[in-house]
């Protein structure tokens, strides 16, 4: 008999395959919304929100970035050059993947997560380019995040 963890991951993988078949970008947009919701329940989001509120009048993106990085993700995996951030993971941090979900379409959820996190931190729109993905077969996950003016 199949255990519940496998059943659930199989069910999620099946749903991801169906979402990927939706017309246009509908499936992508659904997963972006799921990622945004997931982000809002995370400690990182709470940190970005706190940094933003403690620096409400701050317009220097470097000040916000450095405060967030120092207090909430002190890592060389997050860097900033000009208006572009680079975020690299050497292993997938998504709890769904850790529990057996392996459909690369799920990475659209992560894009929504990152979009919400950094738009909250900078109080500006950002664009996310998922350059590499472990679920797609790359050795790392890499996002390029551009802060828009």
N, C-alpha and C. Protein backbone atom coordinates (compact mmCIF):
# COMPACT_ATOMS: atom_id res chain seq x y z
N UNK A 1 0.84 -1.19 0.00
CA UNK A 1 0.00 0.00 0.00
C UNK A 1 0.88 1.25 0.00
N UNK A 2 0.48 2.24 -0.78
CA UNK A 2 1.24 3.47 -0.93
C UNK A 2 1.04 4.37 0.28
N UNK A 3 2.13 4.94 0.81
CA UNK A 3 1.96 5.82 1.97
C UNK A 3 1.42 7.19 1.53
N UNK A 4 0.90 7.92 2.49
CA UNK A 4 0.23 9.20 2.19
C UNK A 4 1.17 10.23 1.59
N UNK A 5 2.43 10.25 2.00
CA UNK A 5 3.38 11.22 1.47
C UNK A 5 3.54 11.02 -0.04
N UNK A 6 3.66 9.78 -0.47
CA UNK A 6 3.79 9.48 -1.90
C UNK A 6 2.50 9.81 -2.63
N UNK A 7 1.36 9.46 -2.05
CA UNK A 7 0.06 9.76 -2.67
C UNK A 7 -0.09 11.27 -2.87
N UNK A 8 0.25 12.03 -1.85
CA UNK A 8 0.10 13.49 -1.93
C UNK A 8 1.04 14.08 -2.97
N UNK A 9 2.29 13.65 -2.98
CA UNK A 9 3.23 14.19 -3.98
C UNK A 9 2.80 13.79 -5.39
N UNK A 10 2.31 12.57 -5.57
CA UNK A 10 1.80 12.16 -6.88
C UNK A 10 0.60 13.01 -7.30
N UNK A 11 -0.28 13.31 -6.36
CA UNK A 11 -1.47 14.13 -6.64
C UNK A 11 -1.04 15.54 -7.05
N UNK A 12 -0.07 16.11 -6.32
CA UNK A 12 0.40 17.46 -6.66
C UNK A 12 1.08 17.46 -8.02
N UNK A 13 1.92 16.46 -8.30
CA UNK A 13 2.57 16.37 -9.61
C UNK A 13 1.53 16.28 -10.73
N UNK A 14 0.45 15.53 -10.51
CA UNK A 14 -0.62 15.42 -11.51
C UNK A 14 -1.30 16.77 -11.73
N UNK A 15 -1.54 17.49 -10.64
CA UNK A 15 -2.15 18.82 -10.76
C UNK A 15 -1.24 19.78 -11.50
N UNK A 16 0.04 19.71 -11.25
CA UNK A 16 0.99 20.58 -11.95
C UNK A 16 0.98 20.31 -13.45
N UNK A 17 0.90 19.05 -13.83
CA UNK A 17 0.83 18.71 -15.26
C UNK A 17 -0.43 19.29 -15.89
N UNK A 18 -1.55 19.28 -15.18
CA UNK A 18 -2.80 19.85 -15.69
C UNK A 18 -2.70 21.37 -15.79
N UNK A 19 -2.14 22.01 -14.77
CA UNK A 19 -1.98 23.47 -14.79
C UNK A 19 -1.11 23.91 -15.96
N UNK A 20 -0.11 23.13 -16.26
CA UNK A 20 0.81 23.46 -17.36
C UNK A 20 0.09 23.44 -18.71
N UNK A 21 -1.01 22.70 -18.80
CA UNK A 21 -1.75 22.58 -20.05
C UNK A 21 -2.74 23.72 -20.29
N UNK A 22 -2.96 24.56 -19.29
CA UNK A 22 -3.92 25.65 -19.45
C UNK A 22 -3.45 26.61 -20.53
N UNK A 23 -4.40 27.27 -21.16
CA UNK A 23 -4.09 28.20 -22.26
C UNK A 23 -3.29 29.39 -21.77
N UNK A 24 -2.42 29.88 -22.66
CA UNK A 24 -1.64 31.07 -22.36
C UNK A 24 -0.80 30.87 -21.11
N UNK A 25 -0.84 31.84 -20.27
CA UNK A 25 -0.04 31.82 -19.03
C UNK A 25 -0.91 31.56 -17.80
N UNK A 26 -2.12 31.02 -18.00
CA UNK A 26 -3.03 30.82 -16.87
C UNK A 26 -2.42 29.96 -15.77
N UNK A 27 -1.81 28.84 -16.14
CA UNK A 27 -1.21 27.96 -15.15
C UNK A 27 -0.05 28.62 -14.43
N UNK A 28 0.75 29.36 -15.17
CA UNK A 28 1.88 30.08 -14.58
C UNK A 28 1.36 31.11 -13.58
N UNK A 29 0.33 31.85 -13.96
CA UNK A 29 -0.23 32.87 -13.07
C UNK A 29 -0.82 32.25 -11.80
N UNK A 30 -1.46 31.11 -11.92
CA UNK A 30 -2.00 30.42 -10.74
C UNK A 30 -0.86 30.07 -9.79
N UNK A 31 0.22 29.53 -10.33
CA UNK A 31 1.34 29.17 -9.46
C UNK A 31 2.03 30.40 -8.89
N UNK A 32 2.10 31.49 -9.64
CA UNK A 32 2.65 32.73 -9.08
C UNK A 32 1.83 33.15 -7.86
N UNK A 33 0.51 33.07 -7.96
CA UNK A 33 -0.36 33.43 -6.83
C UNK A 33 -0.15 32.49 -5.65
N UNK A 34 0.03 31.21 -5.93
CA UNK A 34 0.30 30.23 -4.86
C UNK A 34 1.61 30.58 -4.16
N UNK A 35 2.63 30.95 -4.94
CA UNK A 35 3.92 31.32 -4.37
C UNK A 35 3.85 32.58 -3.53
N UNK A 36 3.04 33.54 -4.00
CA UNK A 36 2.87 34.77 -3.23
C UNK A 36 2.23 34.46 -1.87
N UNK A 37 1.24 33.58 -1.87
CA UNK A 37 0.57 33.19 -0.62
C UNK A 37 1.52 32.43 0.29
N UNK A 38 2.30 31.54 -0.28
CA UNK A 38 3.28 30.78 0.51
C UNK A 38 4.29 31.74 1.15
N UNK A 39 4.72 32.71 0.40
CA UNK A 39 5.68 33.69 0.88
C UNK A 39 5.16 34.42 2.12
N UNK A 40 3.90 34.81 2.08
CA UNK A 40 3.34 35.62 3.16
C UNK A 40 3.30 34.89 4.50
N UNK A 41 3.43 33.57 4.48
CA UNK A 41 3.46 32.84 5.75
C UNK A 41 4.88 32.48 6.17
N UNK A 42 5.87 33.06 5.48
CA UNK A 42 7.27 32.69 5.77
C UNK A 42 7.96 33.70 6.68
N UNK A 43 9.00 33.24 7.34
CA UNK A 43 9.82 34.11 8.18
C UNK A 43 10.55 35.15 7.33
N UNK A 44 10.97 34.77 6.12
CA UNK A 44 11.66 35.72 5.24
C UNK A 44 10.76 36.90 4.88
N UNK A 45 9.49 36.60 4.60
CA UNK A 45 8.55 37.67 4.27
C UNK A 45 8.38 38.59 5.47
N UNK A 46 8.22 38.01 6.65
CA UNK A 46 8.07 38.83 7.86
C UNK A 46 9.30 39.71 8.05
N UNK A 47 10.48 39.17 7.73
CA UNK A 47 11.71 39.96 7.81
C UNK A 47 11.74 41.10 6.82
N UNK A 48 11.35 40.80 5.57
CA UNK A 48 11.32 41.85 4.54
C UNK A 48 10.33 42.94 4.93
N UNK A 49 9.19 42.54 5.44
CA UNK A 49 8.15 43.48 5.88
C UNK A 49 8.67 44.36 7.02
N UNK A 50 9.37 43.74 7.96
CA UNK A 50 9.91 44.48 9.11
C UNK A 50 10.98 45.48 8.65
N UNK A 51 11.90 45.03 7.79
CA UNK A 51 12.94 45.93 7.28
C UNK A 51 12.31 47.10 6.53
N UNK A 52 11.31 46.80 5.70
CA UNK A 52 10.64 47.86 4.94
C UNK A 52 9.99 48.87 5.89
N UNK A 53 9.29 48.38 6.91
CA UNK A 53 8.60 49.27 7.85
C UNK A 53 9.56 50.07 8.72
N UNK A 54 10.69 49.46 9.10
CA UNK A 54 11.67 50.17 9.92
C UNK A 54 12.42 51.23 9.11
N UNK A 55 12.36 51.11 7.79
CA UNK A 55 13.04 52.05 6.89
C UNK A 55 12.05 52.65 5.91
N UNK A 56 10.88 53.02 6.41
CA UNK A 56 9.77 53.45 5.56
C UNK A 56 10.13 54.60 4.63
N UNK A 57 10.99 55.50 5.07
CA UNK A 57 11.32 56.66 4.23
C UNK A 57 12.56 56.40 3.36
N UNK A 58 13.14 55.22 3.49
CA UNK A 58 14.39 54.91 2.78
C UNK A 58 14.14 54.67 1.30
N UNK A 59 14.91 55.35 0.47
CA UNK A 59 14.80 55.15 -0.98
C UNK A 59 16.05 54.48 -1.55
N UNK A 60 17.10 54.34 -0.73
CA UNK A 60 18.32 53.69 -1.19
C UNK A 60 18.14 52.17 -1.09
N UNK A 61 18.08 51.53 -2.26
CA UNK A 61 17.84 50.09 -2.31
C UNK A 61 18.97 49.30 -1.65
N UNK A 62 20.19 49.85 -1.67
CA UNK A 62 21.32 49.17 -1.03
C UNK A 62 21.12 49.09 0.49
N UNK A 63 20.60 50.13 1.08
CA UNK A 63 20.36 50.14 2.53
C UNK A 63 19.35 49.06 2.89
N UNK A 64 18.26 48.99 2.14
CA UNK A 64 17.24 47.98 2.40
C UNK A 64 17.79 46.57 2.18
N UNK A 65 18.49 46.39 1.07
CA UNK A 65 19.07 45.08 0.75
C UNK A 65 20.02 44.62 1.85
N UNK A 66 20.94 45.49 2.24
CA UNK A 66 21.94 45.12 3.25
C UNK A 66 21.30 44.83 4.61
N UNK A 67 20.30 45.60 4.99
CA UNK A 67 19.60 45.34 6.26
C UNK A 67 18.90 43.99 6.22
N UNK A 68 18.23 43.69 5.11
CA UNK A 68 17.54 42.41 4.97
C UNK A 68 18.53 41.25 4.96
N UNK A 69 19.57 41.40 4.18
CA UNK A 69 20.55 40.32 4.05
C UNK A 69 21.24 40.05 5.38
N UNK A 70 21.63 41.09 6.09
CA UNK A 70 22.32 40.94 7.37
C UNK A 70 21.44 40.26 8.41
N UNK A 71 20.18 40.68 8.49
CA UNK A 71 19.31 40.18 9.55
C UNK A 71 18.57 38.89 9.21
N UNK A 72 18.38 38.60 7.92
CA UNK A 72 17.48 37.48 7.59
C UNK A 72 18.03 36.43 6.64
N UNK A 73 19.08 36.73 5.90
CA UNK A 73 19.61 35.69 5.01
C UNK A 73 21.08 35.95 4.75
N UNK A 74 21.84 35.97 5.81
CA UNK A 74 23.27 36.25 5.71
C UNK A 74 23.95 35.14 4.92
N UNK A 75 24.01 35.35 3.60
CA UNK A 75 24.50 34.31 2.71
C UNK A 75 25.10 34.93 1.46
N UNK A 76 26.11 34.26 0.94
CA UNK A 76 26.70 34.70 -0.32
C UNK A 76 25.82 34.32 -1.50
N UNK A 77 24.74 33.58 -1.25
CA UNK A 77 23.84 33.16 -2.33
C UNK A 77 22.93 34.28 -2.81
N UNK A 78 22.89 35.39 -2.08
CA UNK A 78 22.08 36.54 -2.47
C UNK A 78 23.02 37.73 -2.63
N UNK A 79 23.11 38.24 -3.87
CA UNK A 79 23.99 39.37 -4.15
C UNK A 79 23.21 40.44 -4.90
N UNK A 80 23.74 41.65 -4.89
CA UNK A 80 23.10 42.78 -5.57
C UNK A 80 24.14 43.57 -6.32
N UNK A 81 23.82 43.85 -7.57
CA UNK A 81 24.66 44.73 -8.39
C UNK A 81 23.73 45.68 -9.11
N UNK A 82 23.81 46.96 -8.75
CA UNK A 82 22.88 47.94 -9.32
C UNK A 82 21.45 47.60 -8.93
N UNK A 83 20.56 47.53 -9.92
CA UNK A 83 19.15 47.20 -9.66
C UNK A 83 18.85 45.72 -9.85
N UNK A 84 19.89 44.89 -9.90
CA UNK A 84 19.69 43.46 -10.14
C UNK A 84 20.25 42.64 -8.99
N UNK A 85 19.41 41.74 -8.50
CA UNK A 85 19.82 40.79 -7.48
C UNK A 85 20.02 39.43 -8.13
N UNK A 86 20.91 38.66 -7.57
CA UNK A 86 21.11 37.29 -8.00
C UNK A 86 20.89 36.40 -6.78
N UNK A 87 20.04 35.40 -6.94
CA UNK A 87 19.71 34.48 -5.85
C UNK A 87 20.02 33.07 -6.34
N UNK A 88 20.92 32.39 -5.64
CA UNK A 88 21.36 31.06 -6.04
C UNK A 88 21.14 30.08 -4.89
N UNK A 89 20.60 28.92 -5.24
CA UNK A 89 20.44 27.82 -4.29
C UNK A 89 21.14 26.60 -4.84
N UNK A 90 21.92 25.93 -3.98
CA UNK A 90 22.61 24.72 -4.40
C UNK A 90 21.76 23.48 -4.18
N UNK A 91 20.65 23.65 -3.48
CA UNK A 91 19.65 22.59 -3.33
C UNK A 91 18.29 23.28 -3.23
N UNK A 92 17.27 22.57 -3.63
CA UNK A 92 15.93 23.16 -3.62
C UNK A 92 15.46 23.32 -2.18
N UNK A 93 14.93 24.49 -1.86
CA UNK A 93 14.47 24.78 -0.50
C UNK A 93 12.96 24.59 -0.33
N UNK A 94 12.26 24.27 -1.42
CA UNK A 94 10.81 24.12 -1.35
C UNK A 94 10.43 22.86 -0.57
N UNK A 95 9.58 23.00 0.45
CA UNK A 95 9.17 21.82 1.22
C UNK A 95 8.38 20.80 0.38
N UNK A 96 7.70 21.24 -0.65
CA UNK A 96 6.99 20.29 -1.51
C UNK A 96 7.98 19.38 -2.24
N UNK A 97 9.07 19.96 -2.72
CA UNK A 97 10.09 19.17 -3.41
C UNK A 97 10.75 18.21 -2.42
N UNK A 98 11.01 18.70 -1.22
CA UNK A 98 11.62 17.84 -0.20
C UNK A 98 10.71 16.66 0.15
N UNK A 99 9.42 16.81 -0.14
CA UNK A 99 8.45 15.74 0.13
C UNK A 99 8.04 14.97 -1.12
N UNK A 100 8.81 15.10 -2.20
CA UNK A 100 8.59 14.24 -3.35
C UNK A 100 7.99 14.86 -4.59
N UNK A 101 7.56 16.12 -4.54
CA UNK A 101 7.04 16.77 -5.75
C UNK A 101 8.24 17.05 -6.65
N UNK A 102 8.16 16.64 -7.91
CA UNK A 102 9.33 16.76 -8.77
C UNK A 102 9.03 17.34 -10.15
N UNK A 103 7.87 17.93 -10.33
CA UNK A 103 7.51 18.53 -11.61
C UNK A 103 8.10 19.94 -11.68
N UNK A 104 8.91 20.20 -12.70
CA UNK A 104 9.60 21.49 -12.84
C UNK A 104 8.64 22.67 -12.98
N UNK A 105 7.40 22.43 -13.36
CA UNK A 105 6.43 23.52 -13.47
C UNK A 105 6.21 24.20 -12.12
N UNK A 106 6.50 23.47 -11.04
CA UNK A 106 6.37 24.02 -9.69
C UNK A 106 7.27 25.24 -9.48
N UNK A 107 8.35 25.35 -10.24
CA UNK A 107 9.27 26.48 -10.09
C UNK A 107 8.57 27.82 -10.32
N UNK A 108 7.45 27.82 -11.01
CA UNK A 108 6.67 29.05 -11.18
C UNK A 108 6.14 29.54 -9.84
N UNK A 109 5.93 28.63 -8.92
CA UNK A 109 5.51 29.00 -7.57
C UNK A 109 6.62 29.79 -6.88
N UNK A 110 7.84 29.33 -7.03
CA UNK A 110 8.99 29.99 -6.44
C UNK A 110 9.16 31.40 -7.00
N UNK A 111 8.88 31.57 -8.28
CA UNK A 111 8.96 32.90 -8.89
C UNK A 111 7.98 33.84 -8.20
N UNK A 112 6.76 33.38 -7.95
CA UNK A 112 5.77 34.20 -7.25
C UNK A 112 6.21 34.51 -5.82
N UNK A 113 6.81 33.53 -5.17
CA UNK A 113 7.33 33.71 -3.82
C UNK A 113 8.37 34.84 -3.81
N UNK A 114 9.36 34.72 -4.69
CA UNK A 114 10.44 35.72 -4.73
C UNK A 114 9.91 37.10 -5.12
N UNK A 115 8.97 37.13 -6.04
CA UNK A 115 8.39 38.41 -6.47
C UNK A 115 7.74 39.12 -5.28
N UNK A 116 6.96 38.40 -4.51
CA UNK A 116 6.29 38.98 -3.34
C UNK A 116 7.31 39.42 -2.29
N UNK A 117 8.32 38.59 -2.06
CA UNK A 117 9.33 38.90 -1.05
C UNK A 117 10.06 40.21 -1.37
N UNK A 118 10.54 40.33 -2.60
CA UNK A 118 11.36 41.49 -2.93
C UNK A 118 10.52 42.73 -3.24
N UNK A 119 9.30 42.56 -3.72
CA UNK A 119 8.43 43.73 -3.87
C UNK A 119 8.06 44.29 -2.51
N UNK A 120 7.92 43.43 -1.52
CA UNK A 120 7.64 43.88 -0.16
C UNK A 120 8.84 44.62 0.41
N UNK A 121 10.02 44.04 0.24
CA UNK A 121 11.23 44.66 0.78
C UNK A 121 11.49 46.03 0.17
N UNK A 122 11.42 46.13 -1.14
CA UNK A 122 11.81 47.37 -1.83
C UNK A 122 10.64 48.32 -2.08
N UNK A 123 9.40 47.85 -1.87
CA UNK A 123 8.20 48.63 -2.15
C UNK A 123 8.23 49.13 -3.60
N UNK A 124 8.70 48.25 -4.48
CA UNK A 124 8.76 48.51 -5.93
C UNK A 124 8.45 47.21 -6.65
N UNK A 125 8.00 47.34 -7.89
CA UNK A 125 7.78 46.16 -8.72
C UNK A 125 9.13 45.54 -9.07
N UNK A 126 9.15 44.22 -9.17
CA UNK A 126 10.35 43.52 -9.61
C UNK A 126 9.95 42.52 -10.71
N UNK A 127 10.92 42.18 -11.53
CA UNK A 127 10.74 41.08 -12.48
C UNK A 127 11.70 39.97 -12.07
N UNK A 128 11.27 38.76 -12.28
CA UNK A 128 12.07 37.59 -11.91
C UNK A 128 12.34 36.77 -13.17
N UNK A 129 13.60 36.44 -13.37
CA UNK A 129 13.97 35.53 -14.45
C UNK A 129 14.59 34.29 -13.80
N UNK A 130 13.89 33.16 -13.93
CA UNK A 130 14.42 31.91 -13.41
C UNK A 130 15.39 31.36 -14.45
N UNK A 131 16.66 31.60 -14.21
CA UNK A 131 17.70 31.24 -15.18
C UNK A 131 18.06 29.77 -15.14
N UNK A 132 18.07 29.20 -13.93
CA UNK A 132 18.42 27.79 -13.77
C UNK A 132 17.52 27.17 -12.72
N UNK A 133 17.27 25.87 -12.87
CA UNK A 133 16.39 25.18 -11.94
C UNK A 133 16.84 23.73 -11.78
N UNK A 134 17.01 23.33 -10.55
CA UNK A 134 17.39 21.95 -10.25
C UNK A 134 16.34 20.99 -10.79
N UNK A 135 15.06 21.34 -10.67
CA UNK A 135 14.00 20.47 -11.17
C UNK A 135 14.03 20.33 -12.68
N UNK A 136 14.63 21.29 -13.37
CA UNK A 136 14.78 21.21 -14.82
C UNK A 136 16.06 20.48 -15.21
N UNK A 137 16.84 20.10 -14.22
CA UNK A 137 18.07 19.36 -14.49
C UNK A 137 19.35 20.15 -14.33
N UNK A 138 19.25 21.42 -13.94
CA UNK A 138 20.44 22.23 -13.72
C UNK A 138 21.07 21.85 -12.37
N UNK A 139 22.36 22.11 -12.18
CA UNK A 139 23.00 21.78 -10.91
C UNK A 139 22.62 22.73 -9.76
N UNK A 140 22.08 23.91 -10.11
CA UNK A 140 21.67 24.91 -9.12
C UNK A 140 20.35 25.54 -9.55
N UNK A 141 19.74 26.27 -8.63
CA UNK A 141 18.63 27.17 -8.98
C UNK A 141 19.21 28.58 -8.95
N UNK A 142 18.87 29.36 -9.97
CA UNK A 142 19.36 30.74 -10.03
C UNK A 142 18.25 31.64 -10.53
N UNK A 143 18.00 32.70 -9.76
CA UNK A 143 17.03 33.72 -10.15
C UNK A 143 17.75 35.05 -10.30
N UNK A 144 17.37 35.76 -11.35
CA UNK A 144 17.82 37.13 -11.54
C UNK A 144 16.61 38.01 -11.25
N UNK A 145 16.75 38.91 -10.30
CA UNK A 145 15.64 39.74 -9.85
C UNK A 145 15.99 41.19 -10.16
N UNK A 146 15.16 41.83 -10.97
CA UNK A 146 15.41 43.21 -11.38
C UNK A 146 14.41 44.13 -10.69
N UNK A 147 14.91 45.12 -9.98
CA UNK A 147 14.07 46.12 -9.32
C UNK A 147 13.71 47.17 -10.35
N UNK A 148 12.42 47.40 -10.56
CA UNK A 148 11.96 48.38 -11.54
C UNK A 148 11.80 49.73 -10.88
N UNK A 149 12.02 50.79 -11.64
CA UNK A 149 11.85 52.15 -11.10
C UNK A 149 10.43 52.62 -11.20
